[in-house]
Protein backbone atom coordinates (compact mmCIF):
# COMPACT_ATOMS: atom_id res chain seq x y z
CA MET A 1 16.36 3.45 25.08
CA PRO A 2 13.40 2.76 26.88
CA THR A 3 13.01 -0.73 28.37
CA PHE A 4 10.57 -2.51 30.69
CA ALA A 5 10.74 -6.08 32.40
CA ALA A 6 8.19 -8.71 30.80
CA PHE A 7 5.91 -10.67 33.39
CA ASP A 8 8.91 -13.51 33.32
CA GLY A 9 11.75 -10.54 34.04
CA THR A 10 13.03 -10.38 30.56
CA GLU A 11 14.16 -6.66 29.66
CA LEU A 12 12.21 -5.79 26.52
CA ALA A 13 12.89 -2.74 24.58
CA TYR A 14 11.21 -0.55 22.02
CA HIS A 15 12.30 2.50 20.10
CA GLN A 16 10.08 5.92 20.05
CA HIS A 17 9.43 7.71 16.75
CA PRO A 18 10.19 10.65 17.11
CA VAL A 19 11.89 10.50 20.54
CA GLY A 20 10.06 12.38 23.28
CA SER A 21 6.64 12.80 20.66
CA ALA A 22 3.69 14.08 22.70
CA ALA A 23 1.64 12.79 19.63
CA ARG A 24 -1.28 10.00 20.81
CA PRO A 25 1.26 6.44 20.88
CA LEU A 26 0.79 3.79 18.13
CA VAL A 27 2.26 0.59 19.14
CA CYS A 28 3.75 -1.14 16.01
CA VAL A 29 4.48 -4.84 16.30
CA PRO A 30 6.76 -6.15 13.48
CA GLY A 31 6.64 -9.27 11.32
CA GLY A 32 9.03 -12.12 10.44
CA PRO A 33 8.24 -13.89 12.43
CA MET A 34 10.74 -12.73 15.41
CA HIS A 35 12.04 -9.73 13.42
CA ASP A 36 13.14 -6.66 15.28
CA SER A 37 11.03 -3.40 14.72
CA ARG A 38 14.07 -1.58 12.75
CA TYR A 39 12.68 -2.73 9.01
CA LEU A 40 9.65 -0.54 9.78
CA GLY A 41 11.47 2.61 9.62
CA ASP A 42 9.04 5.06 10.17
CA LEU A 43 6.26 3.54 8.31
CA GLY A 44 6.63 6.38 5.42
CA GLY A 45 6.22 8.97 7.72
CA LEU A 46 3.39 7.98 10.08
CA SER A 47 5.51 9.35 12.86
CA ALA A 48 4.37 12.83 11.90
CA HIS A 49 1.20 11.93 12.63
CA ARG A 50 1.64 9.43 15.76
CA GLY A 51 3.96 8.73 18.24
CA LEU A 52 5.36 5.41 17.23
CA ILE A 53 6.46 2.91 19.65
CA LEU A 54 8.40 0.23 17.57
CA PHE A 55 8.28 -2.68 19.84
CA ASP A 56 11.34 -5.35 19.59
CA PRO A 57 10.03 -8.52 20.47
CA ARG A 58 12.05 -10.63 23.10
CA GLY A 59 15.10 -12.24 21.61
CA THR A 60 15.31 -9.58 18.70
CA GLY A 61 16.83 -6.21 18.44
CA ALA A 62 17.28 -4.47 21.91
CA SER A 63 15.21 -6.75 23.58
CA GLY A 64 16.85 -9.50 25.84
CA VAL A 65 16.67 -13.32 25.13
CA PRO A 66 14.46 -15.21 27.73
CA SER A 67 15.81 -17.98 29.77
CA ASP A 68 12.87 -20.18 28.41
CA LEU A 69 13.13 -20.43 24.72
CA SER A 70 9.61 -21.80 24.57
CA SER A 71 8.63 -18.26 25.28
CA TYR A 72 8.99 -17.34 21.76
CA ARG A 73 5.80 -18.98 21.04
CA CYS A 74 3.37 -16.50 19.92
CA ASP A 75 0.44 -17.22 22.70
CA ARG A 76 3.11 -16.46 25.08
CA LEU A 77 4.17 -13.30 23.57
CA VAL A 78 0.80 -12.06 24.16
CA ASP A 79 1.41 -10.92 27.53
CA ASP A 80 4.74 -8.93 26.64
CA LEU A 81 2.36 -6.49 24.99
CA GLU A 82 0.47 -6.00 28.11
CA ALA A 83 3.52 -5.46 29.97
CA LEU A 84 4.46 -3.08 27.69
CA ARG A 85 0.73 -1.27 27.93
CA GLU A 86 1.42 -1.41 31.66
CA HIS A 87 4.60 0.16 31.18
CA LEU A 88 3.40 3.18 29.05
CA GLU A 89 0.57 3.86 31.60
CA LEU A 90 -2.02 3.54 28.74
CA ASP A 91 -5.60 2.19 29.76
CA ARG A 92 -6.18 1.12 25.90
CA LEU A 93 -3.78 0.78 23.05
CA ASP A 94 -3.85 1.74 19.10
CA VAL A 95 -1.76 -1.08 17.55
CA LEU A 96 -0.65 -1.21 14.14
CA ALA A 97 0.94 -4.66 13.22
CA HIS A 98 2.48 -6.12 10.10
CA SER A 99 2.65 -9.53 8.64
CA ALA A 100 3.31 -12.41 10.97
CA GLY A 101 3.07 -9.56 13.86
CA THR A 102 -0.90 -9.27 13.08
CA ASN A 103 -0.93 -12.81 14.58
CA LEU A 104 0.01 -11.87 18.10
CA ALA A 105 -2.07 -8.57 17.28
CA VAL A 106 -5.04 -10.38 17.10
CA MET A 107 -4.32 -12.77 19.74
CA TYR A 108 -3.90 -9.78 22.31
CA ALA A 109 -7.28 -8.51 21.30
CA ALA A 110 -8.93 -11.57 21.87
CA ARG A 111 -7.29 -12.25 25.20
CA TYR A 112 -7.45 -8.50 26.31
CA PRO A 113 -10.80 -6.98 24.20
CA GLN A 114 -10.79 -4.25 26.86
CA ARG A 115 -7.31 -3.20 26.25
CA ILE A 116 -7.28 -2.29 22.19
CA ASP A 117 -8.95 0.98 21.31
CA ARG A 118 -8.33 0.73 17.18
CA LEU A 119 -6.37 -2.11 15.70
CA VAL A 120 -4.52 -1.88 12.40
CA LEU A 121 -3.32 -5.06 10.34
CA VAL A 122 -1.02 -4.68 7.43
CA THR A 123 -0.78 -7.06 5.20
CA PRO A 124 -1.77 -9.55 7.82
CA SER A 125 -1.01 -13.41 8.39
CA ALA A 126 -3.42 -16.11 8.09
CA ALA A 127 -2.10 -18.40 10.83
CA ALA A 128 -3.69 -17.65 14.07
CA LEU A 129 -6.97 -17.27 12.46
CA GLY A 130 -6.45 -20.70 10.62
CA LEU A 131 -7.28 -19.54 7.21
CA THR A 132 -5.45 -20.99 4.24
CA VAL A 133 -3.79 -19.04 1.35
CA THR A 134 -4.02 -21.28 -1.49
CA ALA A 135 -1.63 -21.66 -4.38
CA GLU A 136 -3.96 -20.04 -6.97
CA MET A 137 -4.22 -17.16 -4.61
CA ARG A 138 -0.37 -16.45 -4.88
CA LEU A 139 -0.29 -17.40 -8.63
CA SER A 140 -3.34 -14.88 -9.33
CA VAL A 141 -1.66 -11.94 -7.83
CA ALA A 142 1.54 -12.97 -9.26
CA ARG A 143 0.24 -12.60 -12.63
CA LEU A 144 -0.41 -8.97 -12.53
CA ARG A 145 3.09 -8.44 -12.73
CA SER A 146 3.46 -10.18 -16.19
CA GLY A 147 4.84 -7.02 -17.47
CA GLU A 148 7.59 -6.80 -15.55
CA PRO A 149 10.84 -7.59 -16.89
CA TRP A 150 11.95 -10.06 -14.45
CA PHE A 151 8.79 -12.00 -14.47
CA ALA A 152 9.19 -15.46 -16.30
CA PRO A 153 11.91 -16.45 -13.89
CA ALA A 154 10.47 -15.29 -11.13
CA TYR A 155 6.95 -16.60 -11.73
CA ALA A 156 8.36 -20.17 -12.76
CA ALA A 157 10.14 -20.30 -9.54
CA LEU A 158 6.87 -19.51 -7.88
CA GLN A 159 5.19 -22.36 -9.34
CA SER A 160 7.49 -25.06 -8.63
CA ILE A 161 7.29 -23.64 -5.09
CA VAL A 162 3.90 -23.65 -4.74
CA ALA A 163 3.88 -27.29 -6.23
CA GLY A 164 6.14 -28.19 -3.36
CA GLU A 165 8.86 -28.90 -6.07
CA GLY A 166 11.61 -26.04 -5.49
CA ASP A 167 12.79 -23.76 -2.94
CA ASP A 168 14.33 -20.60 -4.69
CA TRP A 169 12.88 -18.32 -2.36
CA GLN A 170 15.35 -15.82 -3.56
CA ALA A 171 13.86 -16.03 -7.18
CA ILE A 172 10.47 -14.83 -5.84
CA ASP A 173 11.58 -11.62 -4.11
CA PRO A 174 10.59 -8.99 -6.57
CA PHE A 175 6.70 -10.27 -6.02
CA ILE A 176 7.10 -9.11 -2.26
CA TYR A 177 7.71 -5.44 -3.43
CA GLY A 178 5.16 -3.35 -5.47
CA ARG A 179 8.52 -1.78 -7.26
CA TRP A 180 11.64 -4.17 -7.36
CA ASP A 181 13.54 -0.97 -7.48
CA ALA A 182 17.04 -0.38 -5.91
CA ALA A 183 15.05 0.68 -2.42
CA ALA A 184 13.33 -2.55 -2.47
CA GLN A 185 16.42 -4.76 -3.21
CA ALA A 186 17.93 -2.62 -0.45
CA HIS A 187 15.38 -3.55 2.23
CA ARG A 188 15.08 -7.24 1.17
CA ALA A 189 19.06 -7.47 1.52
CA ALA A 190 18.97 -6.29 4.87
CA ASP A 191 15.92 -8.10 6.06
CA GLU A 192 17.62 -11.69 7.22
CA ARG A 193 19.69 -9.35 9.62
CA TYR A 194 16.69 -8.30 11.60
CA ARG A 195 15.60 -11.90 12.46
CA ASN A 196 16.08 -14.32 15.11
CA ASP A 197 15.74 -17.37 13.38
CA GLU A 198 15.78 -19.87 16.47
CA ALA A 199 13.12 -17.70 17.68
CA ALA A 200 10.86 -17.55 14.65
CA ALA A 201 11.48 -21.56 14.70
CA VAL A 202 9.13 -21.48 18.03
CA PHE A 203 7.01 -19.08 16.89
CA ALA A 204 4.17 -21.00 15.39
CA ALA A 205 5.02 -24.35 17.56
CA GLU A 206 2.11 -26.65 18.29
CA GLY A 207 -0.28 -25.12 20.76
CA ALA A 208 0.55 -21.29 19.56
CA PHE A 209 -2.45 -20.78 18.12
CA ASP A 210 -6.09 -21.93 18.77
CA PRO A 211 -8.34 -20.35 15.43
CA GLU A 212 -12.07 -21.40 16.84
CA VAL A 213 -11.30 -19.56 20.18
CA THR A 214 -9.28 -16.28 18.44
CA ARG A 215 -12.34 -16.05 15.87
CA ALA A 216 -15.12 -16.28 18.69
CA ALA A 217 -13.34 -13.68 20.24
CA LEU A 218 -12.84 -11.28 17.34
CA ALA A 219 -16.16 -11.63 16.30
CA ALA A 220 -17.32 -9.99 19.47
CA LEU A 221 -14.34 -7.18 19.61
CA ALA A 222 -15.91 -3.74 19.97
CA ALA A 223 -12.80 -1.84 18.72
CA PRO A 224 -12.45 -0.79 14.93
CA VAL A 225 -10.15 -2.81 13.00
CA LEU A 226 -8.78 -1.29 9.80
CA LEU A 227 -7.05 -4.30 7.02
CA VAL A 228 -4.67 -3.15 4.95
CA ALA A 229 -3.88 -5.33 1.88
CA GLY A 230 -1.35 -4.96 -1.09
CA GLU A 231 -2.93 -5.54 -4.36
CA THR A 232 -0.02 -7.42 -5.82
CA ASP A 233 1.25 -9.00 -2.52
CA LEU A 234 1.28 -12.62 -2.89
CA ASN A 235 2.42 -13.31 0.80
CA SER A 236 -0.97 -11.83 2.44
CA PRO A 237 -3.12 -11.64 -0.79
CA PRO A 238 -5.90 -9.99 -1.13
CA ALA A 239 -8.63 -12.78 -1.15
CA MET A 240 -7.22 -13.79 1.72
CA VAL A 241 -7.44 -11.00 3.78
CA ALA A 242 -10.79 -10.18 2.66
CA GLU A 243 -11.61 -13.52 4.46
CA LEU A 244 -9.90 -12.26 7.54
CA ALA A 245 -12.04 -9.39 7.45
CA ALA A 246 -14.90 -11.12 7.12
CA LEU A 247 -14.50 -12.72 10.56
CA MET A 248 -14.57 -9.24 12.01
CA PRO A 249 -17.84 -7.57 11.90
CA GLY A 250 -17.57 -3.80 10.78
CA ALA A 251 -13.70 -4.32 10.36
CA GLU A 252 -12.53 -2.02 7.37
CA LEU A 253 -10.64 -3.38 4.28
CA THR A 254 -8.35 -1.11 2.19
CA VAL A 255 -6.52 -2.59 -0.87
CA GLN A 256 -3.53 -0.26 -1.88
CA ALA A 257 -3.09 -0.29 -5.49
CA GLY A 258 0.21 -1.21 -6.63
CA ALA A 259 1.62 -2.23 -2.99
CA GLY A 260 3.30 -5.27 -2.30
CA HIS A 261 3.97 -6.91 1.33
CA PHE A 262 5.40 -3.27 2.76
CA PRO A 263 2.88 -0.83 1.64
CA TRP A 264 4.38 2.10 3.11
CA LEU A 265 7.28 1.35 0.77
CA ASP A 266 5.62 1.45 -2.32
CA ASP A 267 3.42 4.50 -1.85
CA ASP A 268 3.99 6.21 1.64
CA SER A 269 1.74 9.40 0.87
CA SER A 270 -1.28 6.80 0.43
CA PHE A 271 -0.68 4.52 3.38
CA THR A 272 -0.27 7.14 5.89
CA ALA A 273 -3.24 8.95 4.65
CA THR A 274 -5.25 5.68 5.16
CA ILE A 275 -3.78 4.72 8.15
CA GLU A 276 -4.19 8.40 9.41
CA ARG A 277 -7.83 8.72 8.77
CA PHE A 278 -8.69 5.52 10.41
CA LEU A 279 -6.87 6.56 13.53
CA SER A 280 -8.45 9.52 13.68
CA SER A 281 -12.36 8.87 12.48
CA GLU A 282 -14.74 9.66 15.53
CA GLY A 283 -17.17 6.84 17.01
CA SER A 284 -16.09 3.35 18.06
CA GLU A 285 -17.70 1.17 15.69
CA GLY A 286 -15.81 0.53 12.32
CA THR A 287 -17.06 0.68 8.93
CA GLU A 288 -18.80 -1.99 6.70
CA ALA A 289 -15.93 -4.14 5.10
CA SER A 290 -15.06 -2.52 1.71
CA GLU A 291 -12.64 -2.68 -0.85
CA ALA A 292 -11.01 0.50 -1.30
CA THR A 293 -8.54 1.47 -4.07
CA ALA A 294 -5.49 3.96 -3.37
CA VAL A 295 -3.51 6.04 -5.67
CA ALA A 296 -2.13 3.81 -8.70
CA ARG A 297 1.72 3.63 -8.49
């Protein structure tokens, strides 16, 4: 398994899909926060088009545990991506990040804008840019699932959570996926095994984010940016993702129909076609932000 040294000497690792691929590399940053990258799989078959570089953040997966645990803070992780770029001997990176990992990706783009070729943010987090996901945003998205047999107890649990009166997070698991089938349930059951909870507790610690500075940097970012939202994703509701897209002039927003927080699991062909089209498109400027609907489930 390939490894490289971070600037503080911590040994970090990544996985290649497919191994030895000569295709143009796409650096993939997992969410969690502080999950290792294995839950990404091959991103619905995206490895058929790109050589995926699946990064394990420090303290996760095959990467080493740092001596300074405060280095798990998101702003301090940014230079781990820069060390990976240097190790890969690439002048510029195509980066795809998922969920909480998008905080790291946008902060990397803000600090090293000249090192970003194209940036893909899949069901992104709002934290690094200081956006708020309101209770009504989540409830509105959840109500799209009212015809599901599990809806009533899951929605009641969600109402309790957003009101600050409950904490039955497991009850709302069906809302995280576009289809609450056996594959989704297996994916969710494996989820916690991939996360370093100690690292996750530090990731967003005080000082990790400076939304004003990051917003200003992204407003001047020349690299094309694609944001992918899931139509039924209450973790990253499309309304919030649209607000995030508006902070980056020329960013493109796609809302994948019927998709939850892991859109490559809900419709792999639609997901991979969207990503590959964006990565392969010519020109250095993104298209005007718009909402597109992919193939319905």
